[in-house]
Amino acid sequence: MLTKKGKYGLKALVDLARLGPGETAFINDIALRNNIPKKFLDTILLELRNAGVLRSKKGPGGGYSLSRPASEIRIGHVIRTLDGPLLLSAAPAARPMKPATTVPIRSVVRYGAR
């Protein structure tokens, strides 16, 4: 199970992945669109920026954006950055699943758009 920090971080990344090339988003806008407390989101985005997942720009036209294409950002890396190491569940899976590190953010955006 993911922590709120992990869930909010993924929500914010999906939000940013929907932006066009060169576009940025302000923390307030991301927080409002995704119902995330702004102060908590500040901390989350700072951690993701320090991990190289996001970039930020100050001033006019500033805000946050993905540091690389969404297809190159791995969900497992994001979760480990925010929540620490992933632990495997003892419950048997009905079918084999891909490791979390192989699922790009872009796949989540496409899935959520259905």
N, C-alpha and C. Protein backbone atom coordinates (compact mmCIF):
# COMPACT_ATOMS: atom_id res chain seq x y z
N MET A 1 0.83 -1.17 0.00
CA MET A 1 0.00 0.00 0.00
C MET A 1 0.89 1.25 0.00
N LEU A 2 0.46 2.25 -0.74
CA LEU A 2 1.22 3.50 -0.81
C LEU A 2 0.82 4.44 0.32
N THR A 3 1.79 5.26 0.72
CA THR A 3 1.49 6.31 1.69
C THR A 3 0.79 7.45 0.95
N LYS A 4 0.22 8.38 1.71
CA LYS A 4 -0.39 9.56 1.09
C LYS A 4 0.66 10.33 0.29
N LYS A 5 1.86 10.37 0.82
CA LYS A 5 2.94 11.08 0.13
C LYS A 5 3.18 10.47 -1.25
N GLY A 6 3.25 9.15 -1.32
CA GLY A 6 3.44 8.47 -2.60
C GLY A 6 2.28 8.68 -3.55
N LYS A 7 1.05 8.57 -3.03
CA LYS A 7 -0.13 8.78 -3.87
C LYS A 7 -0.19 10.20 -4.41
N TYR A 8 0.05 11.17 -3.53
CA TYR A 8 0.02 12.57 -3.96
C TYR A 8 1.13 12.86 -4.96
N GLY A 9 2.30 12.27 -4.74
CA GLY A 9 3.40 12.46 -5.68
C GLY A 9 3.05 11.93 -7.06
N LEU A 10 2.45 10.75 -7.12
CA LEU A 10 2.05 10.19 -8.42
C LEU A 10 0.95 11.02 -9.07
N LYS A 11 0.00 11.49 -8.28
CA LYS A 11 -1.06 12.36 -8.83
C LYS A 11 -0.44 13.62 -9.46
N ALA A 12 0.50 14.22 -8.75
CA ALA A 12 1.15 15.44 -9.25
C ALA A 12 1.92 15.15 -10.54
N LEU A 13 2.61 14.01 -10.60
CA LEU A 13 3.37 13.67 -11.81
C LEU A 13 2.44 13.42 -12.99
N VAL A 14 1.34 12.75 -12.77
CA VAL A 14 0.37 12.53 -13.85
C VAL A 14 -0.17 13.87 -14.33
N ASP A 15 -0.45 14.77 -13.40
CA ASP A 15 -0.92 16.11 -13.75
C ASP A 15 0.12 16.82 -14.63
N LEU A 16 1.38 16.76 -14.24
CA LEU A 16 2.44 17.41 -15.01
C LEU A 16 2.68 16.72 -16.35
N ALA A 17 2.47 15.42 -16.40
CA ALA A 17 2.66 14.68 -17.66
C ALA A 17 1.64 15.09 -18.71
N ARG A 18 0.52 15.62 -18.28
CA ARG A 18 -0.53 16.05 -19.21
C ARG A 18 -0.25 17.41 -19.84
N LEU A 19 0.75 18.11 -19.33
CA LEU A 19 1.11 19.42 -19.89
C LEU A 19 1.78 19.24 -21.24
N GLY A 20 1.67 20.26 -22.07
CA GLY A 20 2.35 20.24 -23.35
C GLY A 20 3.84 20.51 -23.18
N PRO A 21 4.62 20.24 -24.23
CA PRO A 21 6.07 20.49 -24.16
C PRO A 21 6.35 21.96 -23.83
N GLY A 22 7.24 22.18 -22.87
CA GLY A 22 7.63 23.53 -22.49
C GLY A 22 6.68 24.21 -21.52
N GLU A 23 5.54 23.59 -21.22
CA GLU A 23 4.60 24.19 -20.28
C GLU A 23 5.00 23.86 -18.84
N THR A 24 4.63 24.75 -17.94
CA THR A 24 4.87 24.53 -16.52
C THR A 24 3.56 24.71 -15.75
N ALA A 25 3.54 24.26 -14.50
CA ALA A 25 2.36 24.42 -13.66
C ALA A 25 2.80 24.90 -12.29
N PHE A 26 2.00 25.79 -11.72
CA PHE A 26 2.25 26.29 -10.38
C PHE A 26 1.77 25.27 -9.36
N ILE A 27 2.43 25.26 -8.20
CA ILE A 27 2.05 24.33 -7.13
C ILE A 27 0.58 24.52 -6.74
N ASN A 28 0.14 25.77 -6.64
CA ASN A 28 -1.26 26.02 -6.26
C ASN A 28 -2.22 25.36 -7.23
N ASP A 29 -1.94 25.44 -8.53
CA ASP A 29 -2.82 24.85 -9.54
C ASP A 29 -2.84 23.32 -9.45
N ILE A 30 -1.65 22.73 -9.27
CA ILE A 30 -1.56 21.27 -9.14
C ILE A 30 -2.33 20.82 -7.90
N ALA A 31 -2.15 21.53 -6.81
CA ALA A 31 -2.82 21.19 -5.55
C ALA A 31 -4.33 21.27 -5.69
N LEU A 32 -4.83 22.32 -6.30
CA LEU A 32 -6.27 22.48 -6.49
C LEU A 32 -6.86 21.42 -7.40
N ARG A 33 -6.21 21.16 -8.52
CA ARG A 33 -6.72 20.16 -9.49
C ARG A 33 -6.78 18.76 -8.90
N ASN A 34 -5.86 18.47 -7.97
CA ASN A 34 -5.75 17.10 -7.44
C ASN A 34 -6.15 16.96 -5.98
N ASN A 35 -6.69 18.04 -5.40
CA ASN A 35 -7.13 18.02 -4.00
C ASN A 35 -6.01 17.55 -3.06
N ILE A 36 -4.85 18.19 -3.20
CA ILE A 36 -3.68 17.89 -2.38
C ILE A 36 -3.36 19.12 -1.54
N PRO A 37 -3.11 18.96 -0.23
CA PRO A 37 -2.72 20.11 0.58
C PRO A 37 -1.44 20.76 0.04
N LYS A 38 -1.49 22.08 -0.16
CA LYS A 38 -0.37 22.78 -0.81
C LYS A 38 0.95 22.63 -0.06
N LYS A 39 0.95 22.78 1.25
CA LYS A 39 2.21 22.66 2.02
C LYS A 39 2.81 21.27 1.87
N PHE A 40 1.98 20.26 1.87
CA PHE A 40 2.46 18.89 1.70
C PHE A 40 3.01 18.70 0.29
N LEU A 41 2.31 19.27 -0.70
CA LEU A 41 2.77 19.18 -2.08
C LEU A 41 4.10 19.90 -2.27
N ASP A 42 4.31 21.03 -1.59
CA ASP A 42 5.60 21.74 -1.64
C ASP A 42 6.75 20.78 -1.31
N THR A 43 6.59 20.04 -0.22
CA THR A 43 7.62 19.10 0.24
C THR A 43 7.84 17.98 -0.78
N ILE A 44 6.75 17.45 -1.29
CA ILE A 44 6.81 16.34 -2.25
C ILE A 44 7.53 16.77 -3.53
N LEU A 45 7.13 17.91 -4.07
CA LEU A 45 7.74 18.37 -5.33
C LEU A 45 9.21 18.73 -5.15
N LEU A 46 9.57 19.25 -4.00
CA LEU A 46 10.97 19.55 -3.71
C LEU A 46 11.80 18.25 -3.71
N GLU A 47 11.28 17.21 -3.09
CA GLU A 47 11.99 15.92 -3.08
C GLU A 47 12.13 15.37 -4.50
N LEU A 48 11.08 15.48 -5.29
CA LEU A 48 11.14 14.97 -6.67
C LEU A 48 12.09 15.82 -7.53
N ARG A 49 12.13 17.10 -7.26
CA ARG A 49 13.09 17.96 -7.98
C ARG A 49 14.52 17.59 -7.60
N ASN A 50 14.77 17.40 -6.33
CA ASN A 50 16.11 17.02 -5.87
C ASN A 50 16.54 15.66 -6.40
N ALA A 51 15.57 14.79 -6.68
CA ALA A 51 15.86 13.46 -7.24
C ALA A 51 16.01 13.50 -8.76
N GLY A 52 15.81 14.67 -9.37
CA GLY A 52 15.97 14.80 -10.81
C GLY A 52 14.75 14.42 -11.62
N VAL A 53 13.61 14.23 -10.97
CA VAL A 53 12.38 13.86 -11.68
C VAL A 53 11.69 15.11 -12.24
N LEU A 54 11.78 16.21 -11.50
CA LEU A 54 11.15 17.47 -11.91
C LEU A 54 12.18 18.56 -12.08
N ARG A 55 11.78 19.59 -12.79
CA ARG A 55 12.57 20.82 -12.83
C ARG A 55 11.65 21.95 -12.46
N SER A 56 12.22 23.00 -11.92
CA SER A 56 11.41 24.16 -11.55
C SER A 56 12.03 25.40 -12.16
N LYS A 57 11.15 26.36 -12.38
CA LYS A 57 11.58 27.63 -12.98
C LYS A 57 10.92 28.75 -12.19
N LYS A 58 11.70 29.76 -11.83
CA LYS A 58 11.17 30.90 -11.09
C LYS A 58 10.81 32.03 -12.05
N GLY A 59 9.96 32.91 -11.58
CA GLY A 59 9.63 34.10 -12.35
C GLY A 59 8.46 33.89 -13.29
N PRO A 60 8.28 34.87 -14.21
CA PRO A 60 7.18 34.77 -15.17
C PRO A 60 7.31 33.50 -16.01
N GLY A 61 6.21 32.80 -16.17
CA GLY A 61 6.24 31.55 -16.92
C GLY A 61 6.85 30.42 -16.11
N GLY A 62 7.04 30.65 -14.81
CA GLY A 62 7.66 29.65 -13.97
C GLY A 62 6.71 28.58 -13.50
N GLY A 63 7.23 27.69 -12.70
CA GLY A 63 6.44 26.59 -12.17
C GLY A 63 7.24 25.30 -12.25
N TYR A 64 6.54 24.18 -12.21
CA TYR A 64 7.17 22.86 -12.27
C TYR A 64 6.83 22.18 -13.58
N SER A 65 7.77 21.34 -14.03
CA SER A 65 7.55 20.48 -15.20
C SER A 65 8.38 19.21 -15.01
N LEU A 66 8.08 18.21 -15.80
CA LEU A 66 8.87 16.98 -15.76
C LEU A 66 10.25 17.27 -16.30
N SER A 67 11.27 16.64 -15.78
CA SER A 67 12.64 16.88 -16.22
C SER A 67 12.97 16.12 -17.51
N ARG A 68 12.14 15.14 -17.84
CA ARG A 68 12.33 14.35 -19.07
C ARG A 68 10.96 13.81 -19.48
N PRO A 69 10.86 13.19 -20.65
CA PRO A 69 9.55 12.67 -21.08
C PRO A 69 8.96 11.69 -20.06
N ALA A 70 7.64 11.72 -19.93
CA ALA A 70 6.96 10.86 -18.96
C ALA A 70 7.27 9.38 -19.18
N SER A 71 7.49 8.99 -20.41
CA SER A 71 7.77 7.58 -20.71
C SER A 71 9.11 7.12 -20.13
N GLU A 72 9.96 8.06 -19.73
CA GLU A 72 11.26 7.72 -19.16
C GLU A 72 11.28 7.77 -17.63
N ILE A 73 10.18 8.21 -17.02
CA ILE A 73 10.10 8.30 -15.56
C ILE A 73 9.42 7.04 -15.04
N ARG A 74 10.09 6.33 -14.18
CA ARG A 74 9.59 5.07 -13.65
C ARG A 74 8.87 5.27 -12.32
N ILE A 75 7.71 4.67 -12.21
CA ILE A 75 6.90 4.79 -11.01
C ILE A 75 7.67 4.26 -9.80
N GLY A 76 8.36 3.16 -9.95
CA GLY A 76 9.13 2.59 -8.84
C GLY A 76 10.15 3.57 -8.29
N HIS A 77 10.82 4.29 -9.18
CA HIS A 77 11.81 5.29 -8.76
C HIS A 77 11.13 6.40 -7.96
N VAL A 78 9.98 6.84 -8.43
CA VAL A 78 9.24 7.90 -7.75
C VAL A 78 8.83 7.46 -6.35
N ILE A 79 8.27 6.25 -6.24
CA ILE A 79 7.82 5.74 -4.95
C ILE A 79 9.00 5.57 -4.00
N ARG A 80 10.11 5.03 -4.50
CA ARG A 80 11.30 4.87 -3.64
C ARG A 80 11.83 6.23 -3.19
N THR A 81 11.77 7.23 -4.04
CA THR A 81 12.21 8.57 -3.68
C THR A 81 11.37 9.14 -2.54
N LEU A 82 10.06 8.95 -2.63
CA LEU A 82 9.15 9.55 -1.65
C LEU A 82 8.94 8.69 -0.40
N ASP A 83 8.88 7.36 -0.58
CA ASP A 83 8.50 6.47 0.53
C ASP A 83 9.61 5.54 0.99
N GLY A 84 10.72 5.49 0.29
CA GLY A 84 11.77 4.55 0.65
C GLY A 84 11.62 3.25 -0.13
N PRO A 85 12.35 2.21 0.26
CA PRO A 85 12.35 0.95 -0.49
C PRO A 85 10.96 0.31 -0.58
N LEU A 86 10.71 -0.32 -1.72
CA LEU A 86 9.45 -1.06 -1.91
C LEU A 86 9.58 -2.43 -1.28
N LEU A 87 8.54 -2.87 -0.60
CA LEU A 87 8.53 -4.20 0.00
C LEU A 87 7.53 -5.07 -0.73
N LEU A 88 7.88 -6.31 -0.97
CA LEU A 88 6.97 -7.23 -1.64
C LEU A 88 5.92 -7.74 -0.66
N SER A 89 4.72 -7.90 -1.15
CA SER A 89 3.64 -8.43 -0.33
C SER A 89 3.74 -9.95 -0.27
N ALA A 90 3.33 -10.53 0.84
CA ALA A 90 3.34 -11.98 0.98
C ALA A 90 2.17 -12.63 0.26
N ALA A 91 1.17 -11.83 -0.14
CA ALA A 91 0.00 -12.38 -0.83
C ALA A 91 0.39 -12.82 -2.24
N PRO A 92 -0.02 -14.02 -2.65
CA PRO A 92 0.32 -14.49 -4.00
C PRO A 92 -0.46 -13.70 -5.05
N ALA A 93 0.18 -13.40 -6.15
CA ALA A 93 -0.46 -12.68 -7.24
C ALA A 93 -1.22 -13.66 -8.12
N ALA A 94 -2.35 -13.21 -8.65
CA ALA A 94 -3.15 -14.05 -9.54
C ALA A 94 -2.41 -14.29 -10.86
N ARG A 95 -1.63 -13.30 -11.26
CA ARG A 95 -0.83 -13.43 -12.48
C ARG A 95 0.45 -12.65 -12.27
N PRO A 96 1.50 -13.03 -12.97
CA PRO A 96 2.76 -12.29 -12.79
C PRO A 96 2.57 -10.82 -13.15
N MET A 97 3.21 -9.96 -12.37
CA MET A 97 3.12 -8.52 -12.61
C MET A 97 4.50 -7.98 -12.96
N LYS A 98 4.49 -6.91 -13.73
CA LYS A 98 5.76 -6.24 -14.05
C LYS A 98 6.30 -5.60 -12.79
N PRO A 99 7.62 -5.59 -12.61
CA PRO A 99 8.18 -4.84 -11.48
C PRO A 99 7.82 -3.37 -11.63
N ALA A 100 7.65 -2.68 -10.53
CA ALA A 100 7.24 -1.28 -10.54
C ALA A 100 8.18 -0.39 -11.34
N THR A 101 9.44 -0.78 -11.43
CA THR A 101 10.41 0.07 -12.12
C THR A 101 10.21 0.04 -13.63
N THR A 102 9.38 -0.85 -14.17
CA THR A 102 9.22 -0.91 -15.62
C THR A 102 7.97 -0.19 -16.10
N VAL A 103 7.19 0.41 -15.23
CA VAL A 103 5.96 1.07 -15.62
C VAL A 103 6.22 2.57 -15.72
N PRO A 104 6.19 3.14 -16.94
CA PRO A 104 6.43 4.57 -17.07
C PRO A 104 5.19 5.38 -16.71
N ILE A 105 5.41 6.61 -16.30
CA ILE A 105 4.31 7.52 -15.96
C ILE A 105 3.37 7.70 -17.14
N ARG A 106 3.87 7.74 -18.34
CA ARG A 106 3.03 7.94 -19.53
C ARG A 106 1.96 6.85 -19.61
N SER A 107 2.28 5.62 -19.22
CA SER A 107 1.29 4.54 -19.23
C SER A 107 0.15 4.85 -18.26
N VAL A 108 0.47 5.43 -17.13
CA VAL A 108 -0.56 5.79 -16.15
C VAL A 108 -1.45 6.88 -16.71
N VAL A 109 -0.87 7.85 -17.41
CA VAL A 109 -1.65 8.93 -18.02
C VAL A 109 -2.59 8.36 -19.05
N ARG A 110 -2.11 7.48 -19.92
CA ARG A 110 -2.97 6.88 -20.94
C ARG A 110 -4.08 6.08 -20.30
N TYR A 111 -3.78 5.31 -19.25
CA TYR A 111 -4.78 4.49 -18.58
C TYR A 111 -5.85 5.36 -17.94
N GLY A 112 -5.44 6.43 -17.31
CA GLY A 112 -6.38 7.31 -16.63
C GLY A 112 -7.27 8.10 -17.58
N ALA A 113 -6.87 8.22 -18.85
CA ALA A 113 -7.64 8.99 -19.82
C ALA A 113 -8.81 8.19 -20.39
N ARG A 114 -8.88 6.92 -20.10
CA ARG A 114 -9.96 6.08 -20.66
C ARG A 114 -11.31 6.44 -20.11
